[in-house]
């Protein structure tokens, strides 16, 4: 049986290659920056999400912080033990646990944010005017396409 033709693939022309490379570089830098605060990147993502949204269910938080549920549970456990987050009962649905930042978590966020903001500014330095807004729009559109496309519909149906 003849061997199939190799697929021609130019990695450097693949948009998702550059997305993952960028996130990887930022996460490595963020890991170094967060060390002095006693925080890890997943904890930062959870803390930032909680401080932005105030109260989240575990499902909402997993989506916002892009952390799988098992890792999120362990992360929230560590954060609760450190006094940065708290679990709350949902007023309308007792099956749902909400998470919120504590006052200590909010103070930690306020101390870390200037460091993260500096890193973010460094990442977009030298981009033309409007590029960041266009990138944000593009990424939001790509996520919407993926969340609403045929594959997502098939996953939801399964």
N, C-alpha and C. Protein backbone atom coordinates (compact mmCIF):
# COMPACT_ATOMS: atom_id res chain seq x y z
N UNK A 1 0.84 -1.18 0.00
CA UNK A 1 0.00 0.00 0.00
C UNK A 1 0.89 1.25 0.00
N UNK A 2 0.63 2.19 -0.89
CA UNK A 2 1.48 3.39 -0.96
C UNK A 2 1.27 4.29 0.26
N UNK A 3 2.33 4.97 0.64
CA UNK A 3 2.26 5.90 1.77
C UNK A 3 1.53 7.16 1.32
N UNK A 4 0.73 7.72 2.21
CA UNK A 4 0.03 8.96 1.84
C UNK A 4 1.03 10.12 1.72
N UNK A 5 0.67 11.08 0.89
CA UNK A 5 1.49 12.30 0.75
C UNK A 5 1.56 13.00 2.09
N UNK A 6 2.74 13.46 2.48
CA UNK A 6 2.80 14.22 3.74
C UNK A 6 2.02 15.52 3.60
N UNK A 7 1.37 15.89 4.67
CA UNK A 7 0.61 17.13 4.69
C UNK A 7 1.60 18.28 4.82
N UNK A 8 1.44 19.29 3.97
CA UNK A 8 2.30 20.47 4.04
C UNK A 8 1.71 21.40 5.08
N UNK A 9 2.52 21.73 6.06
CA UNK A 9 2.03 22.56 7.15
C UNK A 9 3.14 23.51 7.57
N UNK A 10 2.87 24.81 7.46
CA UNK A 10 3.83 25.83 7.87
C UNK A 10 3.43 26.34 9.25
N UNK A 11 4.08 25.82 10.26
CA UNK A 11 3.74 26.13 11.64
C UNK A 11 3.70 27.63 11.92
N UNK A 12 4.68 28.36 11.40
CA UNK A 12 4.77 29.80 11.69
C UNK A 12 3.67 30.61 11.02
N UNK A 13 2.92 30.03 10.12
CA UNK A 13 1.79 30.71 9.49
C UNK A 13 0.46 30.37 10.16
N UNK A 14 0.51 29.56 11.19
CA UNK A 14 -0.68 29.09 11.89
C UNK A 14 -1.00 30.04 13.05
N UNK A 15 -2.15 30.69 13.01
CA UNK A 15 -2.51 31.70 14.02
C UNK A 15 -2.53 31.11 15.43
N UNK A 16 -3.04 29.91 15.59
CA UNK A 16 -3.12 29.33 16.92
C UNK A 16 -1.75 28.97 17.49
N UNK A 17 -0.78 28.71 16.62
CA UNK A 17 0.60 28.54 17.08
C UNK A 17 1.05 29.81 17.81
N UNK A 18 0.82 30.96 17.19
CA UNK A 18 1.26 32.22 17.79
C UNK A 18 0.45 32.57 19.04
N UNK A 19 -0.83 32.20 19.07
CA UNK A 19 -1.62 32.43 20.29
C UNK A 19 -1.03 31.65 21.46
N UNK A 20 -0.76 30.37 21.24
CA UNK A 20 -0.22 29.56 22.33
C UNK A 20 1.20 29.97 22.70
N UNK A 21 2.00 30.37 21.72
CA UNK A 21 3.34 30.86 22.02
C UNK A 21 3.29 32.12 22.87
N UNK A 22 2.37 33.02 22.53
CA UNK A 22 2.23 34.27 23.28
C UNK A 22 1.76 34.01 24.70
N UNK A 23 0.74 33.19 24.86
CA UNK A 23 0.23 32.86 26.19
C UNK A 23 1.33 32.16 27.00
N UNK A 24 2.06 31.26 26.37
CA UNK A 24 3.15 30.57 27.07
C UNK A 24 4.22 31.54 27.56
N UNK A 25 4.61 32.48 26.71
CA UNK A 25 5.62 33.48 27.10
C UNK A 25 5.11 34.34 28.24
N UNK A 26 3.88 34.78 28.13
CA UNK A 26 3.31 35.62 29.19
C UNK A 26 3.20 34.83 30.50
N UNK A 27 2.74 33.60 30.43
CA UNK A 27 2.60 32.79 31.64
C UNK A 27 3.96 32.54 32.31
N UNK A 28 5.01 32.33 31.51
CA UNK A 28 6.34 32.15 32.10
C UNK A 28 6.79 33.42 32.83
N UNK A 29 6.59 34.57 32.20
CA UNK A 29 6.93 35.85 32.84
C UNK A 29 6.04 36.09 34.06
N UNK A 30 4.76 35.80 33.92
CA UNK A 30 3.83 36.01 35.02
C UNK A 30 4.18 35.11 36.21
N UNK A 31 4.60 33.89 35.94
CA UNK A 31 5.02 32.97 37.00
C UNK A 31 6.13 33.60 37.83
N UNK A 32 7.11 34.18 37.15
CA UNK A 32 8.23 34.84 37.85
C UNK A 32 7.74 36.02 38.67
N UNK A 33 6.87 36.83 38.09
CA UNK A 33 6.38 38.03 38.77
C UNK A 33 5.51 37.69 39.98
N UNK A 34 4.71 36.63 39.88
CA UNK A 34 3.78 36.28 40.95
C UNK A 34 4.44 35.58 42.12
N UNK A 35 5.62 35.03 41.88
CA UNK A 35 6.31 34.27 42.92
C UNK A 35 6.46 35.09 44.21
N UNK A 36 6.81 36.37 44.07
CA UNK A 36 7.03 37.20 45.26
C UNK A 36 5.74 37.47 46.03
N UNK A 37 4.59 37.26 45.37
CA UNK A 37 3.30 37.44 46.03
C UNK A 37 2.76 36.12 46.61
N UNK A 38 3.48 35.02 46.36
CA UNK A 38 3.03 33.72 46.85
C UNK A 38 1.86 33.16 46.06
N UNK A 39 1.76 33.55 44.80
CA UNK A 39 0.62 33.16 43.95
C UNK A 39 1.12 32.46 42.70
N UNK A 40 0.31 31.55 42.17
CA UNK A 40 0.59 30.88 40.91
C UNK A 40 -0.35 31.43 39.84
N UNK A 41 -0.03 31.17 38.58
CA UNK A 41 -0.83 31.70 37.47
C UNK A 41 -2.30 31.28 37.56
N UNK A 42 -2.62 30.00 37.82
CA UNK A 42 -4.05 29.65 37.93
C UNK A 42 -4.75 30.43 39.05
N UNK A 43 -4.06 30.62 40.17
CA UNK A 43 -4.65 31.38 41.26
C UNK A 43 -4.88 32.84 40.85
N UNK A 44 -3.92 33.39 40.09
CA UNK A 44 -4.09 34.75 39.59
C UNK A 44 -5.33 34.85 38.69
N UNK A 45 -5.48 33.88 37.80
CA UNK A 45 -6.64 33.90 36.90
C UNK A 45 -7.95 33.85 37.67
N UNK A 46 -7.99 33.02 38.70
CA UNK A 46 -9.19 32.92 39.53
C UNK A 46 -9.41 34.23 40.28
N UNK A 47 -8.36 34.75 40.90
CA UNK A 47 -8.49 35.99 41.66
C UNK A 47 -8.93 37.14 40.77
N UNK A 48 -8.33 37.27 39.60
CA UNK A 48 -8.71 38.34 38.67
C UNK A 48 -10.17 38.19 38.24
N UNK A 49 -10.60 36.97 37.96
CA UNK A 49 -11.99 36.73 37.56
C UNK A 49 -12.95 37.09 38.69
N UNK A 50 -12.60 36.68 39.91
CA UNK A 50 -13.47 36.98 41.05
C UNK A 50 -13.53 38.47 41.34
N UNK A 51 -12.41 39.15 41.24
CA UNK A 51 -12.40 40.59 41.50
C UNK A 51 -13.15 41.36 40.41
N UNK A 52 -13.14 40.84 39.20
CA UNK A 52 -13.86 41.50 38.10
C UNK A 52 -15.36 41.23 38.16
N UNK A 53 -15.75 40.02 38.52
CA UNK A 53 -17.16 39.63 38.48
C UNK A 53 -17.85 39.61 39.85
N UNK A 54 -17.08 39.63 40.92
CA UNK A 54 -17.57 39.65 42.30
C UNK A 54 -18.06 38.29 42.80
N UNK A 55 -18.94 37.63 42.11
CA UNK A 55 -19.43 36.30 42.52
C UNK A 55 -19.56 35.44 41.28
N UNK A 56 -19.06 34.22 41.38
CA UNK A 56 -19.12 33.31 40.24
C UNK A 56 -19.43 31.91 40.74
N UNK A 57 -20.16 31.16 39.93
CA UNK A 57 -20.29 29.73 40.20
C UNK A 57 -18.99 29.06 39.75
N UNK A 58 -18.79 27.83 40.16
CA UNK A 58 -17.59 27.10 39.74
C UNK A 58 -17.55 26.97 38.21
N UNK A 59 -18.70 26.74 37.58
CA UNK A 59 -18.74 26.61 36.12
C UNK A 59 -18.36 27.92 35.45
N UNK A 60 -18.92 29.02 35.93
CA UNK A 60 -18.57 30.33 35.37
C UNK A 60 -17.08 30.61 35.55
N UNK A 61 -16.58 30.29 36.73
CA UNK A 61 -15.18 30.55 37.03
C UNK A 61 -14.25 29.69 36.18
N UNK A 62 -14.62 28.43 35.97
CA UNK A 62 -13.82 27.55 35.12
C UNK A 62 -13.72 28.12 33.71
N UNK A 63 -14.83 28.66 33.21
CA UNK A 63 -14.85 29.25 31.88
C UNK A 63 -14.03 30.54 31.83
N UNK A 64 -14.24 31.42 32.80
CA UNK A 64 -13.54 32.70 32.81
C UNK A 64 -12.03 32.53 32.97
N UNK A 65 -11.63 31.63 33.85
CA UNK A 65 -10.21 31.44 34.15
C UNK A 65 -9.56 30.40 33.24
N UNK A 66 -10.33 29.78 32.37
CA UNK A 66 -9.88 28.71 31.48
C UNK A 66 -9.07 27.65 32.24
N UNK A 67 -9.72 27.12 33.28
CA UNK A 67 -9.13 26.08 34.11
C UNK A 67 -10.12 24.93 34.19
N UNK A 68 -9.63 23.70 34.00
CA UNK A 68 -10.54 22.55 34.09
C UNK A 68 -11.05 22.42 35.53
N UNK A 69 -12.20 21.79 35.68
CA UNK A 69 -12.90 21.75 36.97
C UNK A 69 -12.06 21.11 38.08
N UNK A 70 -11.32 20.06 37.80
CA UNK A 70 -10.53 19.39 38.83
C UNK A 70 -9.43 20.32 39.34
N UNK A 71 -8.70 20.94 38.42
CA UNK A 71 -7.66 21.89 38.81
C UNK A 71 -8.26 23.09 39.52
N UNK A 72 -9.41 23.54 39.05
CA UNK A 72 -10.07 24.69 39.67
C UNK A 72 -10.44 24.39 41.12
N UNK A 73 -10.97 23.21 41.37
CA UNK A 73 -11.35 22.84 42.74
C UNK A 73 -10.14 22.90 43.67
N UNK A 74 -9.02 22.33 43.23
CA UNK A 74 -7.79 22.37 44.05
C UNK A 74 -7.30 23.81 44.22
N UNK A 75 -7.37 24.59 43.16
CA UNK A 75 -6.93 25.99 43.21
C UNK A 75 -7.78 26.78 44.20
N UNK A 76 -9.10 26.62 44.11
CA UNK A 76 -10.00 27.33 45.02
C UNK A 76 -9.78 26.87 46.45
N UNK A 77 -9.54 25.59 46.65
CA UNK A 77 -9.25 25.09 48.01
C UNK A 77 -8.03 25.81 48.58
N UNK A 78 -6.95 25.92 47.80
CA UNK A 78 -5.74 26.60 48.26
C UNK A 78 -6.03 28.08 48.54
N UNK A 79 -6.81 28.71 47.65
CA UNK A 79 -7.12 30.13 47.82
C UNK A 79 -8.00 30.37 49.04
N UNK A 80 -8.91 29.46 49.30
CA UNK A 80 -9.77 29.60 50.46
C UNK A 80 -8.94 29.42 51.74
N UNK A 81 -8.04 28.46 51.73
CA UNK A 81 -7.16 28.22 52.88
C UNK A 81 -6.26 29.44 53.13
N UNK A 82 -5.81 30.10 52.06
CA UNK A 82 -4.96 31.29 52.18
C UNK A 82 -5.77 32.53 52.58
N UNK A 83 -7.10 32.43 52.49
CA UNK A 83 -7.94 33.56 52.87
C UNK A 83 -8.20 34.56 51.75
N UNK A 84 -8.00 34.14 50.48
CA UNK A 84 -8.17 35.04 49.33
C UNK A 84 -9.55 34.91 48.68
N UNK A 85 -10.23 33.79 48.92
CA UNK A 85 -11.54 33.54 48.31
C UNK A 85 -12.41 32.82 49.32
N UNK A 86 -13.71 32.94 49.11
CA UNK A 86 -14.65 32.26 50.00
C UNK A 86 -15.78 31.65 49.18
N UNK A 87 -16.30 30.54 49.68
CA UNK A 87 -17.45 29.90 49.06
C UNK A 87 -18.72 30.42 49.72
N UNK A 88 -19.73 30.68 48.92
CA UNK A 88 -21.01 31.20 49.42
C UNK A 88 -22.14 30.34 48.86
N UNK A 89 -23.19 30.17 49.63
CA UNK A 89 -24.37 29.48 49.12
C UNK A 89 -25.12 30.44 48.19
N UNK A 90 -25.66 29.89 47.12
CA UNK A 90 -26.46 30.69 46.19
C UNK A 90 -27.84 30.89 46.81
N UNK A 91 -28.32 32.11 46.80
CA UNK A 91 -29.60 32.44 47.44
C UNK A 91 -30.79 31.78 46.75
N UNK A 92 -30.67 31.53 45.44
CA UNK A 92 -31.82 30.99 44.70
C UNK A 92 -31.71 29.51 44.38
N UNK A 93 -30.48 28.94 44.47
CA UNK A 93 -30.30 27.53 44.12
C UNK A 93 -29.27 26.93 45.07
N UNK A 94 -29.73 26.15 46.03
CA UNK A 94 -28.85 25.59 47.04
C UNK A 94 -27.85 24.58 46.48
N UNK A 95 -28.07 24.11 45.25
CA UNK A 95 -27.12 23.18 44.64
C UNK A 95 -25.89 23.90 44.11
N UNK A 96 -25.97 25.23 43.97
CA UNK A 96 -24.89 26.02 43.39
C UNK A 96 -24.07 26.68 44.49
N UNK A 97 -22.76 26.55 44.36
CA UNK A 97 -21.85 27.26 45.25
C UNK A 97 -21.26 28.42 44.47
N UNK A 98 -21.32 29.58 45.06
CA UNK A 98 -20.72 30.77 44.46
C UNK A 98 -19.39 31.03 45.14
N UNK A 99 -18.50 31.65 44.43
CA UNK A 99 -17.21 32.04 44.99
C UNK A 99 -17.08 33.55 44.89
N UNK A 100 -16.41 34.12 45.86
CA UNK A 100 -16.21 35.57 45.89
C UNK A 100 -14.83 35.84 46.48
N UNK A 101 -14.26 36.98 46.12
CA UNK A 101 -12.99 37.34 46.75
C UNK A 101 -13.25 37.81 48.18
N UNK A 102 -12.31 37.54 49.05
CA UNK A 102 -12.38 38.09 50.40
C UNK A 102 -11.73 39.48 50.37
N UNK A 103 -11.83 40.21 51.47
CA UNK A 103 -11.16 41.51 51.55
C UNK A 103 -9.65 41.33 51.38
N UNK A 104 -9.12 40.24 51.92
CA UNK A 104 -7.70 39.94 51.77
C UNK A 104 -7.36 39.66 50.30
N UNK A 105 -8.24 38.94 49.62
CA UNK A 105 -8.05 38.66 48.19
C UNK A 105 -8.09 39.93 47.36
N UNK A 106 -8.99 40.83 47.70
CA UNK A 106 -9.09 42.10 46.98
C UNK A 106 -7.83 42.95 47.21
N UNK A 107 -7.30 42.95 48.44
CA UNK A 107 -6.06 43.69 48.71
C UNK A 107 -4.89 43.08 47.94
N UNK A 108 -4.85 41.74 47.88
CA UNK A 108 -3.79 41.07 47.12
C UNK A 108 -3.89 41.43 45.65
N UNK A 109 -5.11 41.41 45.11
CA UNK A 109 -5.30 41.79 43.70
C UNK A 109 -4.78 43.20 43.46
N UNK A 110 -5.13 44.14 44.36
CA UNK A 110 -4.71 45.54 44.20
C UNK A 110 -3.18 45.66 44.23
N UNK A 111 -2.53 44.83 45.02
CA UNK A 111 -1.06 44.87 45.07
C UNK A 111 -0.43 44.27 43.81
N UNK A 112 -1.06 43.23 43.25
CA UNK A 112 -0.50 42.53 42.08
C UNK A 112 -0.81 43.26 40.79
N UNK A 113 -1.97 43.88 40.68
CA UNK A 113 -2.43 44.45 39.41
C UNK A 113 -1.41 45.34 38.72
N UNK A 114 -0.72 46.25 39.42
CA UNK A 114 0.27 47.08 38.71
C UNK A 114 1.37 46.26 38.03
N UNK A 115 1.77 45.15 38.63
CA UNK A 115 2.77 44.27 38.04
C UNK A 115 2.23 43.62 36.77
N UNK A 116 1.00 43.12 36.85
CA UNK A 116 0.39 42.47 35.69
C UNK A 116 0.14 43.49 34.58
N UNK A 117 -0.32 44.66 34.96
CA UNK A 117 -0.57 45.71 33.97
C UNK A 117 0.72 46.11 33.26
N UNK A 118 1.82 46.19 34.00
CA UNK A 118 3.12 46.51 33.39
C UNK A 118 3.52 45.41 32.39
N UNK A 119 3.32 44.15 32.77
CA UNK A 119 3.63 43.04 31.87
C UNK A 119 2.75 43.09 30.62
N UNK A 120 1.47 43.39 30.80
CA UNK A 120 0.56 43.50 29.66
C UNK A 120 0.99 44.62 28.71
N UNK A 121 1.36 45.77 29.28
CA UNK A 121 1.82 46.90 28.44
C UNK A 121 3.08 46.52 27.68
N UNK A 122 3.96 45.80 28.33
CA UNK A 122 5.18 45.34 27.68
C UNK A 122 4.87 44.44 26.49
N UNK A 123 3.85 43.61 26.64
CA UNK A 123 3.48 42.67 25.57
C UNK A 123 2.97 43.38 24.32
N UNK A 124 2.31 44.51 24.48
CA UNK A 124 1.72 45.20 23.32
C UNK A 124 2.54 46.41 22.88
N UNK A 125 3.69 46.61 23.51
CA UNK A 125 4.55 47.73 23.16
C UNK A 125 4.92 47.71 21.67
N UNK A 126 4.81 48.87 21.05
CA UNK A 126 5.19 49.00 19.65
C UNK A 126 4.10 48.64 18.65
N UNK A 127 2.94 48.18 19.13
CA UNK A 127 1.85 47.87 18.21
C UNK A 127 1.22 49.17 17.72
N UNK A 128 0.75 49.18 16.49
CA UNK A 128 0.12 50.40 15.97
C UNK A 128 -1.17 50.74 16.71
N UNK A 129 -1.55 51.99 16.66
CA UNK A 129 -2.78 52.46 17.30
C UNK A 129 -3.96 51.63 16.83
N UNK A 130 -4.77 51.19 17.75
CA UNK A 130 -5.97 50.42 17.41
C UNK A 130 -5.72 48.92 17.28
N UNK A 131 -4.47 48.50 17.28
CA UNK A 131 -4.17 47.07 17.08
C UNK A 131 -4.70 46.21 18.22
N UNK A 132 -4.58 46.69 19.44
CA UNK A 132 -5.04 45.90 20.59
C UNK A 132 -6.56 45.77 20.55
N UNK A 133 -7.27 46.85 20.22
CA UNK A 133 -8.73 46.77 20.11
C UNK A 133 -9.13 45.80 19.00
N UNK A 134 -8.43 45.84 17.89
CA UNK A 134 -8.73 44.94 16.78
C UNK A 134 -8.41 43.49 17.17
N UNK A 135 -7.31 43.28 17.88
CA UNK A 135 -6.97 41.94 18.34
C UNK A 135 -8.03 41.42 19.29
N UNK A 136 -8.45 42.25 20.24
CA UNK A 136 -9.49 41.85 21.20
C UNK A 136 -10.76 41.46 20.44
N UNK A 137 -11.15 42.29 19.47
CA UNK A 137 -12.36 42.00 18.68
C UNK A 137 -12.18 40.68 17.92
N UNK A 138 -11.02 40.51 17.31
CA UNK A 138 -10.75 39.30 16.53
C UNK A 138 -10.81 38.04 17.40
N UNK A 139 -10.18 38.09 18.55
CA UNK A 139 -10.18 36.93 19.44
C UNK A 139 -11.58 36.63 19.97
N UNK A 140 -12.32 37.68 20.30
CA UNK A 140 -13.70 37.48 20.76
C UNK A 140 -14.54 36.83 19.67
N UNK A 141 -14.35 37.29 18.44
CA UNK A 141 -15.08 36.71 17.30
C UNK A 141 -14.70 35.25 17.07
N UNK A 142 -13.39 34.96 17.17
CA UNK A 142 -12.93 33.58 16.98
C UNK A 142 -13.53 32.67 18.05
N UNK A 143 -13.57 33.14 19.29
CA UNK A 143 -14.15 32.34 20.37
C UNK A 143 -15.64 32.11 20.12
N UNK A 144 -16.34 33.16 19.71
CA UNK A 144 -17.77 33.02 19.40
C UNK A 144 -17.97 32.00 18.28
N UNK A 145 -17.16 32.09 17.24
CA UNK A 145 -17.25 31.13 16.13
C UNK A 145 -17.08 29.70 16.63
N UNK A 146 -16.08 29.50 17.49
CA UNK A 146 -15.82 28.16 18.01
C UNK A 146 -16.93 27.69 18.94
N UNK A 147 -17.44 28.60 19.78
CA UNK A 147 -18.50 28.23 20.73
C UNK A 147 -19.84 27.97 20.05
N UNK A 148 -20.07 28.59 18.89
CA UNK A 148 -21.37 28.47 18.23
C UNK A 148 -21.32 27.64 16.96
N UNK A 149 -20.16 27.17 16.57
CA UNK A 149 -20.02 26.43 15.33
C UNK A 149 -20.62 25.04 15.42
N UNK A 150 -20.61 24.31 14.30
CA UNK A 150 -21.20 22.96 14.25
C UNK A 150 -20.58 21.99 15.26
N UNK A 151 -19.28 22.06 15.48
CA UNK A 151 -18.64 21.15 16.43
C UNK A 151 -19.14 21.42 17.85
N UNK A 152 -19.30 22.69 18.20
CA UNK A 152 -19.82 23.04 19.54
C UNK A 152 -21.25 22.55 19.70
N UNK A 153 -22.05 22.67 18.65
CA UNK A 153 -23.45 22.19 18.71
C UNK A 153 -23.48 20.68 18.93
N UNK A 154 -22.56 19.96 18.25
CA UNK A 154 -22.49 18.51 18.41
C UNK A 154 -22.06 18.15 19.83
N UNK A 155 -21.11 18.91 20.42
CA UNK A 155 -20.67 18.64 21.79
C UNK A 155 -21.81 18.87 22.77
N UNK A 156 -22.57 19.95 22.57
CA UNK A 156 -23.68 20.24 23.47
C UNK A 156 -24.75 19.18 23.38
N UNK A 157 -24.96 18.60 22.19
CA UNK A 157 -25.99 17.59 21.99
C UNK A 157 -25.60 16.24 22.61
N UNK A 158 -24.28 16.01 22.71
CA UNK A 158 -23.80 14.70 23.21
C UNK A 158 -24.02 14.52 24.69
